[in-house]
Amino acid sequence: MRFTAGTPWYKRLRLLRVEAELTQVEMAERLGTTPRNYWRWENGVNIPIPIYRQKIAETLNVPSRVIFAGDLTRKEQNDDSNR
């Protein structure tokens, strides 16, 4: 992984996807969402809901906090840990 603590979550998401050698379309298919929706996440337009954050982490084989911690509001982080 080639990012620092200050790297925004959506850039970490892209870097991890590229390291996993997956396209955005392949990620969308694995997550059960549309390529457009996935693109919006990876470009920081939207934040995935907790169930998708968990699926993303599982697909990329990393803990969810590696991708999302530090960039989400306290409520979003709590929602994620309650699932």
Protein backbone atom coordinates (compact mmCIF):
# COMPACT_ATOMS: atom_id res chain seq x y z
CA MET A 1 0.00 0.00 0.00
CA ARG A 2 1.42 3.33 -1.01
CA PHE A 3 -0.45 6.03 0.86
CA THR A 4 -0.03 8.12 3.97
CA ALA A 5 -2.35 8.88 6.85
CA GLY A 6 -3.34 12.10 5.10
CA THR A 7 -4.47 10.36 1.91
CA PRO A 8 -8.25 10.81 1.42
CA TRP A 9 -10.32 7.62 1.71
CA TYR A 10 -11.39 7.67 -1.93
CA LYS A 11 -7.76 7.83 -3.11
CA ARG A 12 -6.90 4.92 -0.79
CA LEU A 13 -9.83 3.04 -2.32
CA ARG A 14 -8.48 3.60 -5.83
CA LEU A 15 -4.91 2.64 -4.90
CA LEU A 16 -6.06 -0.58 -3.25
CA ARG A 17 -8.28 -1.47 -6.20
CA VAL A 18 -5.42 -0.91 -8.65
CA GLU A 19 -3.08 -3.00 -6.45
CA ALA A 20 -5.70 -5.77 -6.55
CA GLU A 21 -5.62 -5.49 -10.36
CA LEU A 22 -9.36 -4.87 -10.61
CA THR A 23 -11.17 -2.43 -12.87
CA GLN A 24 -13.94 -0.19 -11.60
CA VAL A 25 -16.44 -2.34 -13.48
CA GLU A 26 -15.09 -5.52 -11.84
CA MET A 27 -15.29 -3.90 -8.39
CA ALA A 28 -18.87 -2.79 -9.04
CA GLU A 29 -19.83 -6.32 -10.11
CA ARG A 30 -18.22 -7.88 -7.04
CA LEU A 31 -19.96 -5.38 -4.77
CA GLY A 32 -23.36 -5.70 -6.42
CA THR A 33 -23.59 -2.06 -7.46
CA THR A 34 -23.43 -0.14 -10.70
CA PRO A 35 -20.16 1.03 -12.25
CA ARG A 36 -21.45 4.61 -12.04
CA ASN A 37 -22.14 4.27 -8.32
CA TYR A 38 -18.69 2.79 -7.72
CA TRP A 39 -17.10 5.59 -9.78
CA ARG A 40 -18.84 8.14 -7.55
CA TRP A 41 -17.33 6.51 -4.46
CA GLU A 42 -13.84 6.31 -5.91
CA ASN A 43 -13.97 9.97 -6.91
CA GLY A 44 -15.20 11.13 -3.50
CA VAL A 45 -18.60 12.27 -4.80
CA ASN A 46 -20.47 9.95 -2.41
CA ILE A 47 -19.55 7.84 0.60
CA PRO A 48 -20.69 4.21 0.50
CA ILE A 49 -23.17 3.12 3.16
CA PRO A 50 -21.79 0.80 5.87
CA ILE A 51 -22.77 -2.46 4.18
CA TYR A 52 -20.84 -1.45 1.05
CA ARG A 53 -17.86 -0.24 3.11
CA GLN A 54 -17.69 -3.74 4.61
CA LYS A 55 -18.02 -5.40 1.18
CA ILE A 56 -15.28 -3.14 -0.21
CA ALA A 57 -12.94 -4.07 2.63
CA GLU A 58 -13.64 -7.78 2.17
CA THR A 59 -13.16 -7.57 -1.61
CA LEU A 60 -9.83 -5.77 -1.19
CA ASN A 61 -8.83 -7.98 1.75
CA VAL A 62 -8.10 -5.12 4.14
CA PRO A 63 -9.80 -3.89 7.33
CA SER A 64 -12.45 -1.24 6.64
CA ARG A 65 -10.57 1.23 8.85
CA VAL A 66 -7.56 1.09 6.49
CA ILE A 67 -9.72 2.65 3.80
CA PHE A 68 -12.21 4.79 5.68
CA ALA A 69 -10.91 5.68 9.17
CA GLY A 70 -10.15 9.29 9.82
CA ASP A 71 -12.18 10.64 6.91
CA LEU A 72 -15.70 9.81 8.01
CA THR A 73 -17.76 11.65 10.58
CA ARG A 74 -18.06 10.10 14.03
CA LYS A 75 -21.65 9.02 13.21
CA GLU A 76 -20.55 7.29 9.98
CA GLN A 77 -17.76 5.47 11.82
CA ASN A 78 -20.18 4.36 14.56
CA ASP A 79 -22.66 3.14 11.95
CA ASP A 80 -19.85 1.11 10.40
CA SER A 81 -18.78 -0.50 13.69
CA ASN A 82 -22.34 -1.45 14.59
CA ARG A 83 -22.71 -3.73 11.57
